[in-house]
Amino acid sequence: MSAESQRQAILSAPIRYRNMMVRHRFSTLFLMFGLLCGIFCCSPDSPDETVVAMGFSGEHYLEIANSASIKAATAGDFTIEIWAGGDTSRAEVARTLVMVGNNDGGNEIAIYQGPEDSSMVVVFIDEQLFGRFYVTGLDWNADEKHYLCLSRAANFFAFYVDGRRLRSVELANTDLDIGTSNLLIGGDYDGFNSNPGNYWVGTIDEVRLWSKAIHSDEVSFHHRNPDKLTEHYSADGLVPLKGLWRFNRKYSGFVPDESGNDNHAVIRGNSESVYWVMNK
């Protein structure tokens, strides 16, 4: 079975169909101020200061255009962090948290909620299945937020859920090349930058992309302190942050990249399906 056939079998099993329904740049000074004060939300005078997440109804996704900073980050050491919650509806096909493809239409990096089983997470690396994880304590159907982290250090890849390392392994000769593929949040491509589907149903609080490996101690810190970007502030601490998408305002059209790299996330699909989760 080819890599693409395997991917399709895993993501659509057991029901094989796809759901085809289809410059706010924060300055470095503001980010530094947030780190020093422990404030990582929208500005205090914002009328939407209690927004905590974007809601996904399975009809829209976010597209971050291919850029030099994203391509460089994914080609070497990197970390992707996601804070997200599922939905009470049954996932008959895989639902995408984050995906970046390649020029052949495959998955260089992808993280999904697995189909059918509400405790499943599926991860692809370099078009190959990295793991199909049945996670103790994870229930995508419950009203809960979960933290997922995929990290690469040289050829060692590690995947964590809620601070627990589920797999750490060396994948020799792994050469990730996203080409000119876009980065997606809440959906994936079934082709080269085309045929979006496998939309997310649930909420996403925040997504981060780093051009460095985050190790287990820092993963534990971020799990305990989701509002902190770094454990120990330094002027260079934010340099590896290549993408930061925090859904803490009611944005229209796109969600700004707060890392300062202009990797803004454009809302695609049915923008009317977007809803916003307020702090309880």
Protein backbone atom coordinates (compact mmCIF):
# COMPACT_ATOMS: atom_id res chain seq x y z
CA MET A 1 0.00 0.00 0.00
CA SER A 2 1.37 3.43 -0.92
CA ALA A 3 1.86 6.15 1.70
CA GLU A 4 -1.07 8.12 0.31
CA SER A 5 -3.36 5.07 0.29
CA GLN A 6 -2.37 4.33 3.89
CA ARG A 7 -3.08 7.93 4.89
CA GLN A 8 -6.52 7.88 3.29
CA ALA A 9 -7.37 4.53 4.89
CA ILE A 10 -6.44 5.77 8.36
CA LEU A 11 -8.11 9.16 8.11
CA SER A 12 -11.38 7.95 6.62
CA ALA A 13 -11.75 4.54 8.27
CA PRO A 14 -14.17 3.02 8.74
CA ILE A 15 -16.38 5.35 6.74
CA ARG A 16 -14.66 6.53 3.57
CA TYR A 17 -15.91 9.93 2.70
CA ARG A 18 -14.76 13.50 3.15
CA ASN A 19 -16.75 16.41 4.52
CA MET A 20 -16.39 18.82 1.62
CA MET A 21 -18.65 21.59 3.09
CA VAL A 22 -17.22 23.88 2.33
CA ARG A 23 -2.06 44.55 10.45
CA HIS A 24 -2.75 43.30 13.55
CA ARG A 25 0.90 42.73 14.09
CA PHE A 26 1.77 42.82 17.78
CA SER A 27 5.13 44.46 18.33
CA THR A 28 8.06 42.79 20.03
CA LEU A 29 7.72 45.37 22.77
CA PHE A 30 4.16 44.25 23.51
CA LEU A 31 5.21 40.60 23.67
CA MET A 32 8.07 41.45 26.02
CA PHE A 33 5.69 43.42 28.20
CA GLY A 34 3.32 40.46 28.26
CA LEU A 35 6.09 38.12 29.33
CA LEU A 36 7.23 40.38 32.15
CA CYS A 37 3.72 40.96 33.44
CA GLY A 38 2.40 37.47 32.86
CA ILE A 39 -0.34 38.75 30.57
CA PHE A 40 -0.98 36.81 27.41
CA CYS A 41 -4.43 37.86 26.31
CA CYS A 42 -5.92 40.68 24.31
CA SER A 43 -5.38 44.22 25.53
CA PRO A 44 -7.31 45.22 28.67
CA ASP A 45 -9.43 47.78 26.87
CA SER A 46 -10.62 45.27 24.26
CA PRO A 47 -14.38 44.66 24.28
CA ASP A 48 -13.60 41.01 23.54
CA GLU A 49 -11.13 40.47 26.37
CA THR A 50 -13.04 37.40 27.61
CA VAL A 51 -12.76 35.52 24.31
CA VAL A 52 -10.73 32.35 24.90
CA ALA A 53 -11.07 30.25 21.74
CA MET A 54 -12.29 30.04 18.17
CA GLY A 55 -15.09 27.58 17.55
CA PHE A 56 -15.06 25.31 14.51
CA SER A 57 -18.26 23.73 13.16
CA GLY A 58 -16.68 21.61 10.44
CA GLU A 59 -17.16 24.19 7.70
CA HIS A 60 -14.10 26.44 7.87
CA TYR A 61 -10.35 26.28 8.40
CA LEU A 62 -7.38 28.64 8.67
CA GLU A 63 -4.76 28.97 5.95
CA ILE A 64 -1.28 30.35 6.60
CA ALA A 65 0.47 31.06 3.32
CA ASN A 66 3.80 29.39 2.68
CA SER A 67 6.66 31.59 3.86
CA ALA A 68 10.41 31.47 4.30
CA SER A 69 10.10 31.44 8.10
CA ILE A 70 7.66 28.51 8.15
CA LYS A 71 9.65 26.56 5.58
CA ALA A 72 12.90 27.08 7.49
CA ALA A 73 11.29 26.12 10.80
CA THR A 74 9.85 22.85 9.54
CA ALA A 75 13.07 21.88 7.74
CA GLY A 76 15.08 21.67 10.96
CA ASP A 77 14.38 21.46 14.68
CA PHE A 78 10.83 22.56 15.38
CA THR A 79 7.95 22.37 17.82
CA ILE A 80 4.23 22.68 17.20
CA GLU A 81 2.01 23.32 20.23
CA ILE A 82 -1.78 23.23 20.18
CA TRP A 83 -4.42 23.86 22.83
CA ALA A 84 -7.77 22.53 21.66
CA GLY A 85 -11.06 20.93 22.66
CA GLY A 86 -13.32 18.56 20.77
CA ASP A 87 -17.06 18.32 20.31
CA THR A 88 -19.80 15.96 21.45
CA SER A 89 -20.52 14.88 17.88
CA ARG A 90 -19.11 11.58 16.64
CA ALA A 91 -16.03 11.90 14.44
CA GLU A 92 -16.75 9.53 11.56
CA VAL A 93 -13.63 10.75 9.75
CA ALA A 94 -10.43 12.20 11.14
CA ARG A 95 -10.59 15.86 12.17
CA THR A 96 -7.54 18.02 11.55
CA LEU A 97 -5.83 20.13 14.17
CA VAL A 98 -2.83 21.18 12.09
CA MET A 99 -1.33 20.10 8.77
CA VAL A 100 1.38 21.18 6.35
CA GLY A 101 1.84 19.30 3.11
CA ASN A 102 4.38 19.10 0.33
CA ASN A 103 4.52 19.67 -3.40
CA ASP A 104 3.34 16.11 -4.04
CA GLY A 105 0.14 16.63 -2.08
CA GLY A 106 1.24 14.50 0.87
CA ASN A 107 1.48 15.25 4.58
CA GLU A 108 4.87 16.40 5.82
CA ILE A 109 3.42 17.09 9.26
CA ALA A 110 -0.15 16.48 10.40
CA ILE A 111 -2.03 15.97 13.67
CA TYR A 112 -5.62 14.71 13.75
CA GLN A 113 -8.34 13.63 16.09
CA GLY A 114 -8.82 10.02 15.05
CA PRO A 115 -12.10 8.72 13.62
CA GLU A 116 -14.69 6.87 15.70
CA ASP A 117 -12.72 6.57 18.97
CA SER A 118 -12.87 9.76 21.06
CA SER A 119 -9.53 9.00 22.73
CA MET A 120 -7.55 8.77 19.49
CA VAL A 121 -4.89 11.09 18.08
CA VAL A 122 -3.23 10.36 14.72
CA VAL A 123 0.13 11.87 13.73
CA PHE A 124 1.89 11.82 10.35
CA ILE A 125 5.52 12.79 9.73
CA ASP A 126 7.13 12.81 6.29
CA GLU A 127 4.06 11.15 4.74
CA GLN A 128 4.38 8.20 7.14
CA LEU A 129 2.18 7.27 10.07
CA PHE A 130 4.10 8.29 13.20
CA GLY A 131 1.47 7.02 15.58
CA ARG A 132 -2.16 6.22 16.16
CA PHE A 133 -2.49 6.91 19.86
CA TYR A 134 -5.32 5.87 22.18
CA VAL A 135 -4.72 8.32 25.00
CA THR A 136 -5.78 7.50 28.54
CA GLY A 137 -7.72 10.42 29.99
CA LEU A 138 -8.41 11.99 26.61
CA ASP A 139 -12.04 12.29 25.53
CA TRP A 140 -12.62 14.59 22.59
CA ASN A 141 -16.37 14.37 23.27
CA ALA A 142 -16.00 15.97 26.71
CA ASP A 143 -15.97 19.70 27.38
CA GLU A 144 -12.24 19.78 28.05
CA LYS A 145 -9.17 21.50 26.71
CA HIS A 146 -6.10 19.44 25.80
CA TYR A 147 -2.49 20.32 25.06
CA LEU A 148 -0.69 18.58 22.19
CA CYS A 149 2.96 19.03 21.32
CA LEU A 150 5.08 17.61 18.48
CA SER A 151 8.80 18.32 18.68
CA ARG A 152 11.86 17.51 16.61
CA ALA A 153 15.50 17.62 17.77
CA ALA A 154 17.81 16.51 14.95
CA ASN A 155 16.26 13.19 13.86
CA PHE A 156 14.52 12.54 17.19
CA PHE A 157 10.78 13.16 17.20
CA ALA A 158 8.61 13.29 20.31
CA PHE A 159 4.86 13.62 20.72
CA TYR A 160 3.07 14.67 23.91
CA VAL A 161 -0.54 14.98 25.03
CA ASP A 162 -1.33 16.92 28.21
CA GLY A 163 2.33 16.90 29.18
CA ARG A 164 2.80 13.13 28.81
CA ARG A 165 5.25 11.82 26.26
CA LEU A 166 3.54 9.19 24.15
CA ARG A 167 6.38 8.44 21.77
CA SER A 168 9.99 9.49 21.30
CA VAL A 169 11.97 7.89 18.50
CA GLU A 170 14.79 8.52 16.07
CA LEU A 171 13.70 8.64 12.44
CA ALA A 172 16.97 8.49 10.55
CA ASN A 173 17.35 10.37 7.28
CA THR A 174 14.10 12.28 7.73
CA ASP A 175 14.14 15.20 5.33
CA LEU A 176 11.05 17.35 5.71
CA ASP A 177 10.44 19.66 2.78
CA ILE A 178 7.10 21.45 2.63
CA GLY A 179 7.95 22.99 -0.74
CA THR A 180 5.39 25.70 -1.39
CA SER A 181 2.62 24.08 0.64
CA ASN A 182 0.57 26.21 3.00
CA LEU A 183 0.11 25.52 6.69
CA LEU A 184 -3.46 24.75 7.76
CA ILE A 185 -5.19 24.90 11.12
CA GLY A 186 -8.49 23.06 11.40
CA GLY A 187 -8.35 21.39 7.98
CA ASP A 188 -6.11 19.48 5.59
CA TYR A 189 -5.50 19.20 1.88
CA ASP A 190 -6.22 16.14 -0.22
CA GLY A 191 -3.82 17.36 -2.89
CA PHE A 192 -1.24 20.09 -3.35
CA ASN A 193 -2.77 23.19 -1.73
CA SER A 194 -6.16 21.93 -2.94
CA ASN A 195 -9.26 19.96 -1.97
CA PRO A 196 -9.53 20.99 1.68
CA GLY A 197 -11.42 18.72 4.05
CA ASN A 198 -11.27 16.81 7.33
CA TYR A 199 -12.34 20.00 9.07
CA TRP A 200 -12.00 20.45 12.81
CA VAL A 201 -15.13 20.34 14.95
CA GLY A 202 -14.56 21.84 18.37
CA THR A 203 -12.47 24.71 19.67
CA ILE A 204 -8.87 25.86 19.35
CA ASP A 205 -7.38 28.18 21.95
CA GLU A 206 -3.86 28.68 20.64
CA VAL A 207 -1.27 27.36 18.19
CA ARG A 208 2.48 27.99 18.33
CA LEU A 209 5.25 27.16 15.87
CA TRP A 210 8.85 27.26 17.08
CA SER A 211 12.07 26.76 15.13
CA LYS A 212 13.56 24.89 18.07
CA ALA A 213 12.96 21.64 19.90
CA ILE A 214 11.05 21.86 23.16
CA HIS A 215 12.07 19.13 25.57
CA SER A 216 10.07 17.34 28.23
CA ASP A 217 10.69 19.78 31.08
CA GLU A 218 9.54 22.73 28.98
CA VAL A 219 6.57 20.74 27.69
CA SER A 220 5.54 20.13 31.29
CA PHE A 221 5.90 23.83 32.04
CA HIS A 222 3.74 24.85 29.08
CA HIS A 223 1.11 22.27 30.03
CA ARG A 224 0.91 23.74 33.53
CA ASN A 225 1.21 27.35 32.34
CA PRO A 226 -0.53 27.73 28.97
CA ASP A 227 -0.47 31.52 29.27
CA LYS A 228 3.36 31.66 29.37
CA LEU A 229 5.51 31.63 26.25
CA THR A 230 8.77 30.93 28.08
CA GLU A 231 9.67 29.77 31.56
CA HIS A 232 12.61 32.15 31.94
CA TYR A 233 12.40 35.44 30.09
CA SER A 234 15.32 36.53 27.94
CA ALA A 235 15.62 38.92 25.03
CA ASP A 236 16.40 36.00 22.74
CA GLY A 237 13.69 33.74 24.10
CA LEU A 238 11.16 34.69 21.45
CA VAL A 239 13.47 34.61 18.43
CA PRO A 240 12.59 30.96 17.59
CA LEU A 241 8.86 31.72 17.74
CA LYS A 242 7.83 31.73 14.06
CA GLY A 243 4.06 31.58 14.44
CA LEU A 244 1.70 32.48 17.28
CA TRP A 245 -2.04 32.36 16.76
CA ARG A 246 -4.07 33.18 19.89
CA PHE A 247 -7.81 33.24 19.49
CA ASN A 248 -8.59 35.84 22.14
CA ARG A 249 -10.52 38.36 20.07
CA LYS A 250 -13.41 38.14 17.65
CA TYR A 251 -11.43 38.42 14.46
CA SER A 252 -12.97 38.76 11.02
CA GLY A 253 -11.21 37.67 7.85
CA PHE A 254 -7.95 36.53 9.41
CA VAL A 255 -6.27 35.80 12.73
CA PRO A 256 -3.01 37.75 13.12
CA ASP A 257 0.33 36.11 13.77
CA GLU A 258 1.51 37.61 17.06
CA SER A 259 5.06 36.32 16.64
CA GLY A 260 5.90 39.29 14.42
CA ASN A 261 6.61 37.15 11.33
CA ASP A 262 3.46 38.12 9.41
CA ASN A 263 2.28 34.52 9.11
CA HIS A 264 -1.35 35.56 9.39
CA ALA A 265 -4.06 32.89 9.29
CA VAL A 266 -6.79 33.59 6.73
CA ILE A 267 -10.25 32.19 7.45
CA ARG A 268 -11.29 29.93 4.56
CA GLY A 269 -14.51 28.09 3.84
CA ASN A 270 -17.75 29.20 5.45
CA SER A 271 -16.76 32.16 7.63
CA GLU A 272 -20.33 32.31 8.92
CA SER A 273 -19.70 29.03 10.75
CA VAL A 274 -17.08 30.65 13.00
CA TYR A 275 -18.13 31.11 16.60
CA TRP A 276 -16.26 32.40 19.62
CA VAL A 277 -15.94 30.85 23.05
CA MET A 278 -16.10 33.20 25.99
CA ASN A 279 -14.42 32.74 29.35
CA LYS A 280 -16.77 30.94 31.74
